[in-house]
Every structure is written in structure tokens, then in C-alpha cells.
Amino acid sequence: MAEARRERISGVDTAWLRMDMPTNLMVIVGVLMFEGRLEPARVKRTLERRFLAYRRFRQKAVQDPTGAWWEDDDDFDIDSHVHQVALPGKAGKAELQAYVSDLASTPLDATKPLWQFHLVDNFDGGSALVMRIHHCYADGIALVQVMLSMTEKSARASLALPAQRFDAGDRGDAAFWEQVLKPVAGAIEGATRVGRNLLDQGRELAANPGAAQEVLEGATRKGMDFAGELAKLALMGSDSPTRFKGRLGARKRVAWAEPLPLDEVKVMGKALGCSINDVLLAMATGALREYLSSRGDPVDGLGIRAIVPVNLRPEGQARELGNRFGLVFLDLPIGTEDPLQRLREVRAHMQALKGSFQPLIVLGLLHAVGYGPRILQEQITGLLSQNASAVMTNVPGPQHPVWFAGRRIEELNFWVPQSGGIGMGVSILSYDGRIQFGLIADAGLVPDPDRIVGRFRDEFDKLMWLTLMSPWEGEADAAPARGRAPRKPRAARPAQAAGEPAAAVVPKRFRNL
């Protein structure tokens, strides 16, 4: 086979390719819902002009004894990847969730490029488009850009998409490591050697986790204080035993919540001195607590961990394919009943992770084990996945409406895959001024994920009411008593009557209550 038609898959992408298991498929699933009916011919034309403008999506992922390779599919046929279906019954949300759950439990055809689009042409008076793309092609940040490349800001423009051609993939391992390590590893000689070093260290870690303090000594002497961070990962210990952890099956269930207004979440974060991400993660923690409590499970004093992806993609490379993210382990204070205290604890845990080398270490390990034996990768993946109960990811989408194939996208949802023994994923996506929550779970562990996502609105309302009822005087940095919200700085607060919350920070739907 000609050299130009075959290229080695990067170490990180190989790791995600080999992470596929019958009980956890490494496939990113998304659903786009439209206000009207999509025409199949227009959908195919849009995919041909813009999705297939990325040459990578015409390539198969092939594995042989020498490694993993991108290989052109000489028999490529778009009809093998685009399917038209009709939902049974009322063709509403419940039927679409059941259909997406089936797809999320079904492997992709490994003899073809690992992606599919499923056009549901009778959903709720309009259409839905379900996309499935294997994680080895790209991460969520890159796939949002792929999606945006297929859309326009008007119906007319979305029908007149000129054909384009994008770079197939990434800039190569060496160039990436040189860029991502530059801010923290100026003292390291030869950034391309880091992968080989981490491979040796990964073997030692897998064979003897207790020796983690000695791992990465060479890198530490050169200026990177990785050893302590790697020791934390190795010595973290298994996550708390709850119904969220257990033996996995092949069946998955998906659900999504009604969207929340993004401006209200921003108001909440501003009023409480927290980031939007802090608020959203605290809401998710509260929803998980309420679910466990409703099932009669003990929650007092309980803490579980979530794996949170961290984008490491250098500036200006959002449109390039490939996986460029690391992972951190976030403690979720399930056992804290007070929503405001729970938010403060989530914020404190997130603050403690800022500046951590955890994301870079995990990315480096995946990069290294992707080039090593599969058994080593399975050991590292197992070690990481036993330390958490869920994956939680937050991906920013376009903050204006977009059109695809002549129809406006009304709602977007996606579901993040889980690796190893992790049985639950929470996905957060912002689009057109709204926040979307999606959840995927192992059907044997959480057979009713809709009961979790249905609690997100309640958790937000609890935080909003407690914020409105809390005192507004005092300094933002003062340590608040339990049950009281963090204060806003006086200098940042709009003019207001003494002791009253400013109307500018009260969402409209609460002002007349």
C-alpha cells in the first residue's frame, strides 16, 4: 500500500482506539434536534461537502502487530454511514431516548471508518440527527468545531455550503508535545523524549503502585514536579462503593434534561463568587445525591470522585482532529446536604486542582501506553478508572442559533464515553444561550437516568432561592458561616437599597415571585 495512504495513529489516539470494550464503547454520541423536517439528500450533501472535507473521516483505523494506522477506505460509500429511520409510537422524547440508547450500546463497524449518522425523520413534528464518532478520531472540543463547519447562521447559507477541505488530522506527536510542554517544561531537554520516559514510568507504576514516589524522578530533576502528582494518582485508592459502581453490562441508557438559561447560570456564579462550571458541577452533585437518597441509599458523609477532562489543545488548534486533553480527579461532596455548602466545597476542590500536573501526566501516560503493549494500557486504564464513579465534561458550543441543511438546530445533546469500569457519564453543553445536561449510564447500575437529569432544574432553583434569601453585606472573601452564600464584593455590586438584592442580578423569572 502506498505510503501516502497510510499513516501511524498517534499514541494518545491509539490508546482511545484500544480502550473499546463490549461494556464501554469509546464512541461519542450526539443528537441534534430540528424545528422542521430534514431532507435526506440535503443531509448527505452537507456531509459530503463539509464533514468529508476532513480526509480522516474517509479513513479506517487498522491495527496490526506493528501498531495502529490510518488507512484510506478504497470502498468508501457514504450510504454505509448515513441511515434513515422512523421512530415508533408517538415519536417523542421517550422514543428518541430509547433509540439513542440502542445506538450507544451498539459497536461501530470496524471494517469501515468509525462513524455514522442516523436521520430520524419523524421526531416530534420535525427531525433529529444522531451522530456516532469513535473517540480515536477527535475529542469533544474538536468535534464541536467539526459540527460548526457544517452549519451556518441562516437557512439559505446552510443550503449553499461551498465544498471545503480541511487538514485531515494533527501536527504530529513531536510538535504537539513541544507546544503543550513549553509553558511548564522549559528545562526539559528534548520534549519528544517525554513519551518514552513516561512509558518506562508507566510500566513501573503498573507493576508496583507503591513505588510511585520514585517515578518520574528524572523529569523532576529537570524542573517538572510530577512525582507528587503521580503519587496522588497511584495512591488515591478505589472510589466509594455506591450503586454507581459495579459490574458493567453492554446495555447503556441515555437521558437529557430540559435546557436551562445560560444567563441565569451566569447570574448564579456571579452572585456566589463562583465559576459557571462550579455551579454546574455542584448541581450535578446535588442531583446524584438526591437520586441515591430516593433509592434509600446512605448519603451522609459520602464522597465520590468524577474524572473531569481538561483541554490541553494549544491556541488556534481547535479545528484539528485528534485527542488533546488530560484528566483530573474531582471530589464530589455527595454527603453535604446544604446546597450552598456543597457549592463551596466543589469550588474549593476545583481551585485545589488548578495548576495541577494531573492532566498532563494522564495525557502523557495515554500517549506512552498507546505505543506500548495492550496489557500495559489495560493496567493503567484499570488503575485510573477504579478511582472514579463518573466522567463529567463541559463543552462550550455556539452561543447563537445555527442552521444545518436548511433547518435550524433547536437543541443539542451529547454523551461522553466512559473507560474501564466507569459506568456513568455526565455531559454539559452550552448552545444558543442555554445549558444542556445529558447523562449516560450502565443500564444495570442506573436503569432510570431520567430520574437524575430531571433533578438538575430543582438543584438550580434551590441555589437561586438560597442566594436570594442570603445577606448581601460583607466582603466576598470573608469565610461564610454554614448555610450562607459567599458575598459579592461591594465594588462589583450594582447600586441597591441597603440589604436588598439588586434587580440586575435576579433572573427575570424570579422577580415577580
Foldseek 3Di string as FASTA:
>chain_A
DDPVQKDAQFLLLLLLVLLADLQFGQKWKKKFDFPAFFDVVLQVVLCVQQVVLQVQQQWAWDQDPQAIMTGGDPPDDCVVAEEEDEFPDPQEQVRVQVVSQVVSLDAADRSGRGKHWYWHGPHPNHIMIMIIHGCSWFDPLQVLVSVVRQWAQALVCNSVDGGHHDHNFDPDDQVLQCVLCVVQQVQDDRSVCLLVLLLVLLVVCLVPVVCLLVRPPVSVVSGHPCSVVSNCLSVVDFWDDDLLFDDFDSGKGKDKADWDFQVLLVLLCQFQVHDSVLLLLLLLLQLVLVVCVVVVHDQAQHKFKAKEKDASDDPPCSNGGGYGIFIDIFIQNSNDDQSQVSSVNSRVRVVVCVVPCRGVSRSSNSSNCSSPDPVSSLSVQQSNQSRGQEYEYEHEHAQAWIDGSSTIRPDMDMWGIDGDRHFKYWYWYDYNRIIMIMMMGRCVSPVCCVSSNHSSVVSSVSSLVLSQPAWADDAQPDDDDPSHGRHRHPVPADDDPHRHHDPVSRDPVPPVD
